[in-house]
Amino acid sequence: MKHLLLGIVILTLSGCFGEEDRIYTVDELMTDEVLLAKITSECRNNPGALRQTPNCQNAEAADWKLRLERMNRALGG
């Protein structure tokens, strides 16, 4: 009975830690623009709660870097 209860607790807790808890780096977000758009959208829809989270800050930095790269390419740099 103890083992069954322990197994249930472990399975329940493992469901709490998924991909949403993962913190993405700026480089990861720059290479995956779909993920960047998703995170940026979530952050803009709830800035009061999410603005200071690591993923929102990294998404903002990645978006800025991508914009600068595009601007440099457009200007021939």
PDB file of N, CA and C in Angstrom:
ATOM      1  N   MET A   1       0.820  -1.198   0.000  1.00  0.00           N
ATOM      2  CA  MET A   1       0.000   0.000   0.000  1.00  0.00           C
ATOM      3  C   MET A   1       0.864   1.261   0.000  1.00  0.00           C
ATOM      4  N   LYS A   2       1.968   1.219   0.741  1.00  0.00           N
ATOM      5  CA  LYS A   2       2.859   2.374   0.775  1.00  0.00           C
ATOM      6  C   LYS A   2       3.447   2.655  -0.607  1.00  0.00           C
ATOM      7  N   HIS A   3       3.805   1.570  -1.300  1.00  0.00           N
ATOM      8  CA  HIS A   3       4.409   1.726  -2.621  1.00  0.00           C
ATOM      9  C   HIS A   3       3.405   2.298  -3.621  1.00  0.00           C
ATOM     10  N   LEU A   4       2.165   1.893  -3.504  1.00  0.00           N
ATOM     11  CA  LEU A   4       1.126   2.414  -4.388  1.00  0.00           C
ATOM     12  C   LEU A   4       0.930   3.906  -4.147  1.00  0.00           C
ATOM     13  N   LEU A   5       0.848   4.292  -2.891  1.00  0.00           N
ATOM     14  CA  LEU A   5       0.690   5.702  -2.543  1.00  0.00           C
ATOM     15  C   LEU A   5       1.889   6.522  -3.010  1.00  0.00           C
ATOM     16  N   LEU A   6       3.087   5.999  -2.822  1.00  0.00           N
ATOM     17  CA  LEU A   6       4.296   6.679  -3.269  1.00  0.00           C
ATOM     18  C   LEU A   6       4.297   6.844  -4.790  1.00  0.00           C
ATOM     19  N   GLY A   7       3.886   5.809  -5.496  1.00  0.00           N
ATOM     20  CA  GLY A   7       3.815   5.872  -6.959  1.00  0.00           C
ATOM     21  C   GLY A   7       2.833   6.925  -7.434  1.00  0.00           C
ATOM     22  N   ILE A   8       1.693   7.010  -6.786  1.00  0.00           N
ATOM     23  CA  ILE A   8       0.685   8.009  -7.153  1.00  0.00           C
ATOM     24  C   ILE A   8       1.216   9.417  -6.914  1.00  0.00           C
ATOM     25  N   VAL A   9       1.883   9.615  -5.778  1.00  0.00           N
ATOM     26  CA  VAL A   9       2.446  10.929  -5.471  1.00  0.00           C
ATOM     27  C   VAL A   9       3.507  11.323  -6.499  1.00  0.00           C
ATOM     28  N   ILE A  10       4.370  10.383  -6.859  1.00  0.00           N
ATOM     29  CA  ILE A  10       5.421  10.677  -7.834  1.00  0.00           C
ATOM     30  C   ILE A  10       4.821  11.018  -9.194  1.00  0.00           C
ATOM     31  N   LEU A  11       3.823  10.264  -9.631  1.00  0.00           N
ATOM     32  CA  LEU A  11       3.185  10.552 -10.914  1.00  0.00           C
ATOM     33  C   LEU A  11       2.474  11.906 -10.899  1.00  0.00           C
ATOM     34  N   THR A  12       1.850  12.226  -9.793  1.00  0.00           N
ATOM     35  CA  THR A  12       1.164  13.506  -9.679  1.00  0.00           C
ATOM     36  C   THR A  12       2.153  14.657  -9.747  1.00  0.00           C
ATOM     37  N   LEU A  13       3.248  14.545  -9.028  1.00  0.00           N
ATOM     38  CA  LEU A  13       4.244  15.607  -9.027  1.00  0.00           C
ATOM     39  C   LEU A  13       4.956  15.732 -10.367  1.00  0.00           C
ATOM     40  N   SER A  14       5.149  14.620 -11.047  1.00  0.00           N
ATOM     41  CA  SER A  14       5.836  14.684 -12.337  1.00  0.00           C
ATOM     42  C   SER A  14       5.008  15.443 -13.365  1.00  0.00           C
ATOM     43  N   GLY A  15       3.711  15.450 -13.224  1.00  0.00           N
ATOM     44  CA  GLY A  15       2.849  16.196 -14.123  1.00  0.00           C
ATOM     45  C   GLY A  15       2.934  17.703 -13.904  1.00  0.00           C
ATOM     46  N   CYS A  16       3.449  18.120 -12.766  1.00  0.00           N
ATOM     47  CA  CYS A  16       3.556  19.542 -12.456  1.00  0.00           C
ATOM     48  C   CYS A  16       4.744  20.205 -13.131  1.00  0.00           C
ATOM     49  N   PHE A  17       5.698  19.430 -13.555  1.00  0.00           N
ATOM     50  CA  PHE A  17       6.909  19.997 -14.130  1.00  0.00           C
ATOM     51  C   PHE A  17       7.007  19.610 -15.594  1.00  0.00           C
ATOM     52  N   GLY A  18       6.452  20.450 -16.446  1.00  0.00           N
ATOM     53  CA  GLY A  18       6.452  20.149 -17.867  1.00  0.00           C
ATOM     54  C   GLY A  18       7.262  21.168 -18.638  1.00  0.00           C
ATOM     55  N   GLU A  19       6.999  21.256 -19.929  1.00  0.00           N
ATOM     56  CA  GLU A  19       7.708  22.171 -20.804  1.00  0.00           C
ATOM     57  C   GLU A  19       7.440  23.628 -20.445  1.00  0.00           C
ATOM     58  N   GLU A  20       6.285  23.913 -19.865  1.00  0.00           N
ATOM     59  CA  GLU A  20       5.958  25.294 -19.546  1.00  0.00           C
ATOM     60  C   GLU A  20       6.849  25.853 -18.458  1.00  0.00           C
ATOM     61  N   ASP A  21       7.438  25.002 -17.644  1.00  0.00           N
ATOM     62  CA  ASP A  21       8.323  25.457 -16.587  1.00  0.00           C
ATOM     63  C   ASP A  21       9.748  25.651 -17.081  1.00  0.00           C
ATOM     64  N   ARG A  22      10.004  25.293 -18.304  1.00  0.00           N
ATOM     65  CA  ARG A  22      11.352  25.382 -18.850  1.00  0.00           C
ATOM     66  C   ARG A  22      11.686  26.825 -19.183  1.00  0.00           C
ATOM     67  N   ILE A  23      12.902  27.216 -18.871  1.00  0.00           N
ATOM     68  CA  ILE A  23      13.366  28.548 -19.220  1.00  0.00           C
ATOM     69  C   ILE A  23      14.220  28.431 -20.473  1.00  0.00           C
ATOM     70  N   TYR A  24      13.803  29.124 -21.518  1.00  0.00           N
ATOM     71  CA  TYR A  24      14.501  29.078 -22.792  1.00  0.00           C
ATOM     72  C   TYR A  24      15.552  30.185 -22.843  1.00  0.00           C
ATOM     73  N   THR A  25      16.675  29.887 -23.479  1.00  0.00           N
ATOM     74  CA  THR A  25      17.722  30.887 -23.639  1.00  0.00           C
ATOM     75  C   THR A  25      17.389  31.785 -24.831  1.00  0.00           C
ATOM     76  N   VAL A  26      18.087  32.898 -24.907  1.00  0.00           N
ATOM     77  CA  VAL A  26      17.890  33.823 -26.025  1.00  0.00           C
ATOM     78  C   VAL A  26      18.223  33.125 -27.338  1.00  0.00           C
ATOM     79  N   ASP A  27      19.317  32.373 -27.365  1.00  0.00           N
ATOM     80  CA  ASP A  27      19.710  31.669 -28.593  1.00  0.00           C
ATOM     81  C   ASP A  27      18.671  30.639 -29.023  1.00  0.00           C
ATOM     82  N   GLU A  28      18.101  29.904 -28.058  1.00  0.00           N
ATOM     83  CA  GLU A  28      17.067  28.923 -28.401  1.00  0.00           C
ATOM     84  C   GLU A  28      15.856  29.621 -29.015  1.00  0.00           C
ATOM     85  N   LEU A  29      15.472  30.750 -28.449  1.00  0.00           N
ATOM     86  CA  LEU A  29      14.317  31.471 -28.957  1.00  0.00           C
ATOM     87  C   LEU A  29      14.588  32.091 -30.323  1.00  0.00           C
ATOM     88  N   MET A  30      15.833  32.494 -30.563  1.00  0.00           N
ATOM     89  CA  MET A  30      16.171  33.062 -31.871  1.00  0.00           C
ATOM     90  C   MET A  30      16.104  32.012 -32.966  1.00  0.00           C
ATOM     91  N   THR A  31      16.415  30.769 -32.642  1.00  0.00           N
ATOM     92  CA  THR A  31      16.382  29.715 -33.661  1.00  0.00           C
ATOM     93  C   THR A  31      14.980  29.148 -33.866  1.00  0.00           C
ATOM     94  N   ASP A  32      14.105  29.279 -32.883  1.00  0.00           N
ATOM     95  CA  ASP A  32      12.740  28.756 -32.988  1.00  0.00           C
ATOM     96  C   ASP A  32      11.762  29.931 -32.941  1.00  0.00           C
ATOM     97  N   GLU A  33      11.501  30.521 -34.099  1.00  0.00           N
ATOM     98  CA  GLU A  33      10.675  31.726 -34.151  1.00  0.00           C
ATOM     99  C   GLU A  33       9.205  31.460 -33.820  1.00  0.00           C
ATOM    100  N   VAL A  34       8.746  30.230 -34.001  1.00  0.00           N
ATOM    101  CA  VAL A  34       7.367  29.883 -33.630  1.00  0.00           C
ATOM    102  C   VAL A  34       7.232  29.929 -32.107  1.00  0.00           C
ATOM    103  N   LEU A  35       8.195  29.347 -31.411  1.00  0.00           N
ATOM    104  CA  LEU A  35       8.197  29.380 -29.947  1.00  0.00           C
ATOM    105  C   LEU A  35       8.345  30.814 -29.453  1.00  0.00           C
ATOM    106  N   LEU A  36       9.206  31.578 -30.103  1.00  0.00           N
ATOM    107  CA  LEU A  36       9.395  32.985 -29.734  1.00  0.00           C
ATOM    108  C   LEU A  36       8.085  33.752 -29.867  1.00  0.00           C
ATOM    109  N   ALA A  37       7.371  33.541 -30.955  1.00  0.00           N
ATOM    110  CA  ALA A  37       6.093  34.224 -31.165  1.00  0.00           C
ATOM    111  C   ALA A  37       5.070  33.820 -30.102  1.00  0.00           C
ATOM    112  N   LYS A  38       5.058  32.547 -29.743  1.00  0.00           N
ATOM    113  CA  LYS A  38       4.120  32.054 -28.724  1.00  0.00           C
ATOM    114  C   LYS A  38       4.401  32.706 -27.374  1.00  0.00           C
ATOM    115  N   ILE A  39       5.658  32.709 -26.969  1.00  0.00           N
ATOM    116  CA  ILE A  39       6.020  33.273 -25.665  1.00  0.00           C
ATOM    117  C   ILE A  39       5.796  34.781 -25.660  1.00  0.00           C
ATOM    118  N   THR A  40       6.170  35.445 -26.749  1.00  0.00           N
ATOM    119  CA  THR A  40       5.975  36.894 -26.840  1.00  0.00           C
ATOM    120  C   THR A  40       4.494  37.242 -26.744  1.00  0.00           C
ATOM    121  N   SER A  41       3.660  36.471 -27.398  1.00  0.00           N
ATOM    122  CA  SER A  41       2.215  36.705 -27.353  1.00  0.00           C
ATOM    123  C   SER A  41       1.674  36.533 -25.932  1.00  0.00           C
ATOM    124  N   GLU A  42       2.100  35.470 -25.264  1.00  0.00           N
ATOM    125  CA  GLU A  42       1.658  35.234 -23.886  1.00  0.00           C
ATOM    126  C   GLU A  42       2.090  36.375 -22.971  1.00  0.00           C
ATOM    127  N   CYS A  43       3.303  36.847 -23.164  1.00  0.00           N
ATOM    128  CA  CYS A  43       3.831  37.911 -22.314  1.00  0.00           C
ATOM    129  C   CYS A  43       3.097  39.223 -22.555  1.00  0.00           C
ATOM    130  N   ARG A  44       2.757  39.494 -23.803  1.00  0.00           N
ATOM    131  CA  ARG A  44       2.042  40.738 -24.119  1.00  0.00           C
ATOM    132  C   ARG A  44       0.589  40.686 -23.671  1.00  0.00           C
ATOM    133  N   ASN A  45       0.016  39.483 -23.607  1.00  0.00           N
ATOM    134  CA  ASN A  45      -1.373  39.345 -23.160  1.00  0.00           C
ATOM    135  C   ASN A  45      -1.517  39.451 -21.649  1.00  0.00           C
ATOM    136  N   ASN A  46      -0.447  39.242 -20.901  1.00  0.00           N
ATOM    137  CA  ASN A  46      -0.508  39.310 -19.445  1.00  0.00           C
ATOM    138  C   ASN A  46       0.781  39.938 -18.900  1.00  0.00           C
ATOM    139  N   PRO A  47       1.043  41.197 -19.239  1.00  0.00           N
ATOM    140  CA  PRO A  47       2.317  41.803 -18.853  1.00  0.00           C
ATOM    141  C   PRO A  47       2.472  41.994 -17.347  1.00  0.00           C
ATOM    142  N   GLY A  48       1.389  42.197 -16.634  1.00  0.00           N
ATOM    143  CA  GLY A  48       1.486  42.404 -15.191  1.00  0.00           C
ATOM    144  C   GLY A  48       2.051  41.207 -14.465  1.00  0.00           C
ATOM    145  N   ALA A  49       1.671  40.020 -14.890  1.00  0.00           N
ATOM    146  CA  ALA A  49       2.114  38.807 -14.209  1.00  0.00           C
ATOM    147  C   ALA A  49       3.364  38.200 -14.829  1.00  0.00           C
ATOM    148  N   LEU A  50       3.575  38.419 -16.121  1.00  0.00           N
ATOM    149  CA  LEU A  50       4.643  37.698 -16.809  1.00  0.00           C
ATOM    150  C   LEU A  50       5.840  38.537 -17.224  1.00  0.00           C
ATOM    151  N   ARG A  51       5.730  39.838 -17.217  1.00  0.00           N
ATOM    152  CA  ARG A  51       6.778  40.694 -17.779  1.00  0.00           C
ATOM    153  C   ARG A  51       8.161  40.439 -17.180  1.00  0.00           C
ATOM    154  N   GLN A  52       8.235  40.176 -15.911  1.00  0.00           N
ATOM    155  CA  GLN A  52       9.529  39.995 -15.244  1.00  0.00           C
ATOM    156  C   GLN A  52       9.997  38.547 -15.190  1.00  0.00           C
ATOM    157  N   THR A  53       9.290  37.634 -15.850  1.00  0.00           N
ATOM    158  CA  THR A  53       9.714  36.235 -15.850  1.00  0.00           C
ATOM    159  C   THR A  53      10.890  36.053 -16.801  1.00  0.00           C
ATOM    160  N   PRO A  54      11.746  35.078 -16.534  1.00  0.00           N
ATOM    161  CA  PRO A  54      12.917  34.860 -17.393  1.00  0.00           C
ATOM    162  C   PRO A  54      12.561  34.607 -18.853  1.00  0.00           C
ATOM    163  N   ASN A  55      11.513  33.831 -19.108  1.00  0.00           N
ATOM    164  CA  ASN A  55      11.151  33.548 -20.502  1.00  0.00           C
ATOM    165  C   ASN A  55      10.704  34.815 -21.238  1.00  0.00           C
ATOM    166  N   CYS A  56       9.969  35.684 -20.573  1.00  0.00           N
ATOM    167  CA  CYS A  56       9.537  36.920 -21.220  1.00  0.00           C
ATOM    168  C   CYS A  56      10.722  37.845 -21.475  1.00  0.00           C
ATOM    169  N   GLN A  57      11.611  37.926 -20.527  1.00  0.00           N
ATOM    170  CA  GLN A  57      12.791  38.770 -20.718  1.00  0.00           C
ATOM    171  C   GLN A  57      13.679  38.215 -21.831  1.00  0.00           C
ATOM    172  N   ASN A  58      13.862  36.901 -21.864  1.00  0.00           N
ATOM    173  CA  ASN A  58      14.662  36.284 -22.926  1.00  0.00           C
ATOM    174  C   ASN A  58      13.986  36.427 -24.287  1.00  0.00           C
ATOM    175  N   ALA A  59      12.662  36.315 -24.316  1.00  0.00           N
ATOM    176  CA  ALA A  59      11.933  36.476 -25.573  1.00  0.00           C
ATOM    177  C   ALA A  59      12.061  37.909 -26.086  1.00  0.00           C
ATOM    178  N   GLU A  60      12.001  38.861 -25.195  1.00  0.00           N
ATOM    179  CA  GLU A  60      12.159  40.259 -25.592  1.00  0.00           C
ATOM    180  C   GLU A  60      13.561  40.505 -26.160  1.00  0.00           C
ATOM    181  N   ALA A  61      14.571  39.942 -25.506  1.00  0.00           N
ATOM    182  CA  ALA A  61      15.954  40.090 -25.988  1.00  0.00           C
ATOM    183  C   ALA A  61      16.144  39.401 -27.332  1.00  0.00           C
ATOM    184  N   ALA A  62      15.570  38.214 -27.495  1.00  0.00           N
ATOM    185  CA  ALA A  62      15.690  37.478 -28.759  1.00  0.00           C
ATOM    186  C   ALA A  62      14.997  38.233 -29.881  1.00  0.00           C
ATOM    187  N   ASP A  63      13.825  38.776 -29.603  1.00  0.00           N
ATOM    188  CA  ASP A  63      13.094  39.541 -30.606  1.00  0.00           C
ATOM    189  C   ASP A  63      13.908  40.762 -31.026  1.00  0.00           C
ATOM    190  N   TRP A  64      14.509  41.447 -30.073  1.00  0.00           N
ATOM    191  CA  TRP A  64      15.326  42.623 -30.367  1.00  0.00           C
ATOM    192  C   TRP A  64      16.528  42.251 -31.236  1.00  0.00           C
ATOM    193  N   LYS A  65      17.202  41.163 -30.887  1.00  0.00           N
ATOM    194  CA  LYS A  65      18.369  40.722 -31.662  1.00  0.00           C
ATOM    195  C   LYS A  65      17.979  40.346 -33.093  1.00  0.00           C
ATOM    196  N   LEU A  66      16.867  39.653 -33.239  1.00  0.00           N
ATOM    197  CA  LEU A  66      16.409  39.274 -34.575  1.00  0.00           C
ATOM    198  C   LEU A  66      16.069  40.502 -35.412  1.00  0.00           C
ATOM    199  N   ARG A  67      15.440  41.494 -34.787  1.00  0.00           N
ATOM    200  CA  ARG A  67      15.111  42.726 -35.508  1.00  0.00           C
ATOM    201  C   ARG A  67      16.383  43.448 -35.965  1.00  0.00           C
ATOM    202  N   LEU A  68      17.389  43.487 -35.097  1.00  0.00           N
ATOM    203  CA  LEU A  68      18.649  44.125 -35.467  1.00  0.00           C
ATOM    204  C   LEU A  68      19.339  43.383 -36.605  1.00  0.00           C
ATOM    205  N   GLU A  69      19.321  42.053 -36.544  1.00  0.00           N
ATOM    206  CA  GLU A  69      19.923  41.262 -37.625  1.00  0.00           C
ATOM    207  C   GLU A  69      19.222  41.521 -38.952  1.00  0.00           C
ATOM    208  N   ARG A  70      17.892  41.558 -38.927  1.00  0.00           N
ATOM    209  CA  ARG A  70      17.129  41.819 -40.150  1.00  0.00           C
ATOM    210  C   ARG A  70      17.423  43.219 -40.695  1.00  0.00           C
ATOM    211  N   MET A  71      17.530  44.182 -39.790  1.00  0.00           N
ATOM    212  CA  MET A  71      17.809  45.553 -40.201  1.00  0.00           C
ATOM    213  C   MET A  71      19.205  45.648 -40.837  1.00  0.00           C
ATOM    214  N   ASN A  72      20.178  44.987 -40.231  1.00  0.00           N
ATOM    215  CA  ASN A  72      21.532  44.987 -40.793  1.00  0.00           C
ATOM    216  C   ASN A  72      21.563  44.349 -42.181  1.00  0.00           C
ATOM    217  N   ARG A  73      20.835  43.253 -42.349  1.00  0.00           N
ATOM    218  CA  ARG A  73      20.787  42.587 -43.666  1.00  0.00           C
ATOM    219  C   ARG A  73      20.100  43.489 -44.697  1.00  0.00           C
ATOM    220  N   ALA A  74      19.050  44.173 -44.262  1.00  0.00           N
ATOM    221  CA  ALA A  74      18.317  45.057 -45.177  1.00  0.00           C
ATOM    222  C   ALA A  74      19.174  46.243 -45.617  1.00  0.00           C
ATOM    223  N   LEU A  75      20.063  46.668 -44.723  1.00  0.00           N
ATOM    224  CA  LEU A  75      20.927  47.801 -45.038  1.00  0.00           C
ATOM    225  C   LEU A  75      22.218  47.363 -45.714  1.00  0.00           C
ATOM    226  N   GLY A  76      22.356  46.055 -45.925  1.00  0.00           N
ATOM    227  CA  GLY A  76      23.537  45.534 -46.613  1.00  0.00           C
ATOM    228  C   GLY A  76      24.735  45.324 -45.717  1.00  0.00           C
ATOM    229  N   GLY A  77      24.481  45.178 -44.431  1.00  0.00           N
ATOM    230  CA  GLY A  77      25.589  45.026 -43.476  1.00  0.00           C
ATOM    231  C   GLY A  77      25.873  43.651 -43.049  1.00  0.00           C
TER     232      GLY A  77
END
